[in-house]
Amino acid sequence: MTIFGRTLDGQELFALASLLTLLAFWLFVLPRERDYGRRFKQWEAERRARRLGQDGGSTRPKGKPRGPWG
C-alpha cells in the first residue's frame, strides 16, 4: 500500500490501523466520560443541598467549639 508516495509494510499498516481505531474509540468514549462527570457533579450538589436543608444550613458540626478560633 502506498500513502503519500511511501510504501507501507505490514507493521506500519498495523500501526496506522491501530491509531485510527484508538482515535475512533476516543471519539465515542470522551463525550460519555464528560457527561458522567457532569452528572456526578450535579448529583453531588443536589446531595449536599439536601443534607444542608436537613441541618438548617449549617456546615459546622454541632457541639463544643474546637481550635483557637472557636
N, C-alpha and C. Protein backbone atom coordinates (compact mmCIF):
# COMPACT_ATOMS: atom_id res chain seq x y z
N MET A 1 0.85 -1.18 0.00
CA MET A 1 0.00 0.00 0.00
C MET A 1 0.90 1.24 0.00
N THR A 2 0.49 2.25 -0.74
CA THR A 2 1.28 3.48 -0.85
C THR A 2 0.45 4.64 -0.33
N ILE A 3 1.03 5.39 0.60
CA ILE A 3 0.40 6.59 1.14
C ILE A 3 1.42 7.72 1.06
N PHE A 4 1.03 8.83 0.45
CA PHE A 4 1.90 10.00 0.28
C PHE A 4 3.21 9.62 -0.41
N GLY A 5 3.15 8.70 -1.36
CA GLY A 5 4.32 8.32 -2.10
C GLY A 5 5.27 7.40 -1.35
N ARG A 6 4.84 6.85 -0.24
CA ARG A 6 5.69 5.97 0.57
C ARG A 6 5.00 4.62 0.67
N THR A 7 5.74 3.58 0.45
CA THR A 7 5.20 2.23 0.54
C THR A 7 5.23 1.78 2.00
N LEU A 8 4.09 1.30 2.48
CA LEU A 8 3.98 0.87 3.87
C LEU A 8 4.03 -0.66 3.92
N ASP A 9 4.79 -1.17 4.87
CA ASP A 9 4.82 -2.63 5.06
C ASP A 9 3.76 -3.03 6.08
N GLY A 10 3.72 -4.30 6.42
CA GLY A 10 2.69 -4.83 7.32
C GLY A 10 2.69 -4.19 8.69
N GLN A 11 3.86 -3.98 9.26
CA GLN A 11 3.94 -3.41 10.61
C GLN A 11 3.44 -1.96 10.60
N GLU A 12 3.78 -1.20 9.60
CA GLU A 12 3.32 0.19 9.52
C GLU A 12 1.82 0.26 9.27
N LEU A 13 1.30 -0.66 8.46
CA LEU A 13 -0.15 -0.71 8.25
C LEU A 13 -0.88 -1.05 9.54
N PHE A 14 -0.35 -1.99 10.30
CA PHE A 14 -0.96 -2.35 11.58
C PHE A 14 -0.93 -1.16 12.54
N ALA A 15 0.17 -0.43 12.59
CA ALA A 15 0.27 0.73 13.47
C ALA A 15 -0.73 1.80 13.05
N LEU A 16 -0.87 2.02 11.75
CA LEU A 16 -1.82 3.01 11.26
C LEU A 16 -3.26 2.61 11.59
N ALA A 17 -3.58 1.35 11.38
CA ALA A 17 -4.92 0.87 11.71
C ALA A 17 -5.19 0.96 13.21
N SER A 18 -4.18 0.65 14.02
CA SER A 18 -4.34 0.74 15.48
C SER A 18 -4.58 2.18 15.92
N LEU A 19 -3.85 3.11 15.36
CA LEU A 19 -4.03 4.51 15.72
C LEU A 19 -5.41 5.02 15.31
N LEU A 20 -5.87 4.62 14.13
CA LEU A 20 -7.20 5.04 13.69
C LEU A 20 -8.29 4.42 14.56
N THR A 21 -8.10 3.18 14.98
CA THR A 21 -9.05 2.53 15.86
C THR A 21 -9.09 3.23 17.22
N LEU A 22 -7.93 3.59 17.73
CA LEU A 22 -7.86 4.28 19.02
C LEU A 22 -8.53 5.65 18.92
N LEU A 23 -8.33 6.35 17.82
CA LEU A 23 -8.97 7.65 17.63
C LEU A 23 -10.50 7.50 17.61
N ALA A 24 -10.99 6.51 16.88
CA ALA A 24 -12.43 6.27 16.83
C ALA A 24 -12.97 5.91 18.21
N PHE A 25 -12.22 5.10 18.95
CA PHE A 25 -12.63 4.72 20.31
C PHE A 25 -12.79 5.96 21.18
N TRP A 26 -11.80 6.86 21.16
CA TRP A 26 -11.87 8.04 21.99
C TRP A 26 -12.95 9.02 21.54
N LEU A 27 -13.26 9.01 20.26
CA LEU A 27 -14.36 9.87 19.80
C LEU A 27 -15.70 9.43 20.38
N PHE A 28 -15.84 8.16 20.68
CA PHE A 28 -17.08 7.66 21.30
C PHE A 28 -17.02 7.73 22.82
N VAL A 29 -15.88 7.51 23.41
CA VAL A 29 -15.75 7.42 24.86
C VAL A 29 -15.69 8.79 25.53
N LEU A 30 -14.97 9.72 24.95
CA LEU A 30 -14.76 11.02 25.60
C LEU A 30 -16.06 11.76 25.91
N PRO A 31 -17.02 11.86 24.98
CA PRO A 31 -18.28 12.55 25.35
C PRO A 31 -19.02 11.86 26.49
N ARG A 32 -19.00 10.53 26.50
CA ARG A 32 -19.67 9.82 27.60
C ARG A 32 -18.98 10.08 28.92
N GLU A 33 -17.66 10.13 28.91
CA GLU A 33 -16.90 10.39 30.14
C GLU A 33 -17.19 11.80 30.66
N ARG A 34 -17.24 12.77 29.77
CA ARG A 34 -17.54 14.13 30.19
C ARG A 34 -18.96 14.24 30.73
N ASP A 35 -19.90 13.53 30.11
CA ASP A 35 -21.28 13.53 30.59
C ASP A 35 -21.37 12.91 31.98
N TYR A 36 -20.60 11.83 32.20
CA TYR A 36 -20.59 11.21 33.52
C TYR A 36 -20.08 12.20 34.57
N GLY A 37 -19.04 12.96 34.24
CA GLY A 37 -18.52 13.95 35.18
C GLY A 37 -19.55 15.01 35.52
N ARG A 38 -20.27 15.46 34.50
CA ARG A 38 -21.32 16.47 34.74
C ARG A 38 -22.43 15.92 35.62
N ARG A 39 -22.86 14.67 35.31
CA ARG A 39 -23.93 14.08 36.10
C ARG A 39 -23.49 13.87 37.54
N PHE A 40 -22.24 13.47 37.76
CA PHE A 40 -21.76 13.26 39.12
C PHE A 40 -21.71 14.57 39.89
N LYS A 41 -21.23 15.63 39.26
CA LYS A 41 -21.18 16.94 39.93
C LYS A 41 -22.59 17.42 40.28
N GLN A 42 -23.54 17.21 39.38
CA GLN A 42 -24.92 17.61 39.65
C GLN A 42 -25.49 16.80 40.81
N TRP A 43 -25.25 15.49 40.81
CA TRP A 43 -25.73 14.63 41.89
C TRP A 43 -25.11 15.06 43.22
N GLU A 44 -23.81 15.35 43.22
CA GLU A 44 -23.13 15.76 44.45
C GLU A 44 -23.70 17.08 44.97
N ALA A 45 -23.97 18.03 44.08
CA ALA A 45 -24.55 19.31 44.50
C ALA A 45 -25.95 19.12 45.07
N GLU A 46 -26.75 18.27 44.44
CA GLU A 46 -28.09 18.01 44.96
C GLU A 46 -28.04 17.31 46.31
N ARG A 47 -27.12 16.37 46.47
CA ARG A 47 -26.98 15.67 47.75
C ARG A 47 -26.56 16.63 48.85
N ARG A 48 -25.62 17.51 48.52
CA ARG A 48 -25.15 18.49 49.50
C ARG A 48 -26.29 19.45 49.88
N ALA A 49 -27.09 19.85 48.89
CA ALA A 49 -28.21 20.76 49.17
C ALA A 49 -29.24 20.08 50.06
N ARG A 50 -29.52 18.80 49.80
CA ARG A 50 -30.47 18.08 50.65
C ARG A 50 -29.94 17.96 52.08
N ARG A 51 -28.65 17.65 52.20
CA ARG A 51 -28.06 17.49 53.53
C ARG A 51 -28.07 18.80 54.29
N LEU A 52 -27.74 19.90 53.64
CA LEU A 52 -27.74 21.20 54.31
C LEU A 52 -29.16 21.64 54.64
N GLY A 53 -30.11 21.24 53.83
CA GLY A 53 -31.51 21.58 54.10
C GLY A 53 -32.02 20.90 55.36
N GLN A 54 -31.54 19.71 55.64
CA GLN A 54 -31.96 18.99 56.84
C GLN A 54 -31.31 19.56 58.09
N ASP A 55 -30.08 20.06 57.97
CA ASP A 55 -29.36 20.59 59.12
C ASP A 55 -29.72 22.04 59.43
N GLY A 56 -30.47 22.66 58.58
CA GLY A 56 -30.79 24.07 58.80
C GLY A 56 -29.77 24.99 58.16
N GLY A 57 -28.90 24.48 57.32
CA GLY A 57 -27.95 25.31 56.60
C GLY A 57 -26.57 25.38 57.21
N SER A 58 -26.34 24.76 58.32
CA SER A 58 -25.03 24.83 58.96
C SER A 58 -24.14 23.69 58.47
N THR A 59 -22.89 24.04 58.11
CA THR A 59 -21.94 23.02 57.67
C THR A 59 -21.03 22.59 58.82
N ARG A 60 -21.00 23.36 59.92
CA ARG A 60 -20.14 23.05 61.06
C ARG A 60 -20.86 22.08 61.98
N PRO A 61 -20.17 21.05 62.46
CA PRO A 61 -20.83 20.12 63.38
C PRO A 61 -21.22 20.81 64.68
N LYS A 62 -22.34 20.35 65.23
CA LYS A 62 -22.83 20.92 66.48
C LYS A 62 -21.96 20.43 67.65
N GLY A 63 -21.94 21.22 68.70
CA GLY A 63 -21.21 20.80 69.88
C GLY A 63 -20.20 21.85 70.30
N LYS A 64 -19.28 21.42 71.15
CA LYS A 64 -18.27 22.32 71.71
C LYS A 64 -17.32 22.81 70.60
N PRO A 65 -17.07 24.14 70.56
CA PRO A 65 -16.15 24.67 69.56
C PRO A 65 -14.72 24.12 69.77
N ARG A 66 -14.04 23.89 68.68
CA ARG A 66 -12.68 23.39 68.78
C ARG A 66 -11.72 24.37 68.13
N GLY A 67 -10.50 24.38 68.58
CA GLY A 67 -9.45 25.19 67.98
C GLY A 67 -9.41 26.61 68.53
N PRO A 68 -8.41 27.36 68.19
CA PRO A 68 -8.24 28.71 68.75
C PRO A 68 -9.27 29.70 68.24
N TRP A 69 -9.94 29.41 67.11
CA TRP A 69 -10.91 30.35 66.57
C TRP A 69 -12.33 30.00 66.95
N GLY A 70 -12.52 28.92 67.68
CA GLY A 70 -13.85 28.54 68.13
C GLY A 70 -14.53 27.81 67.10
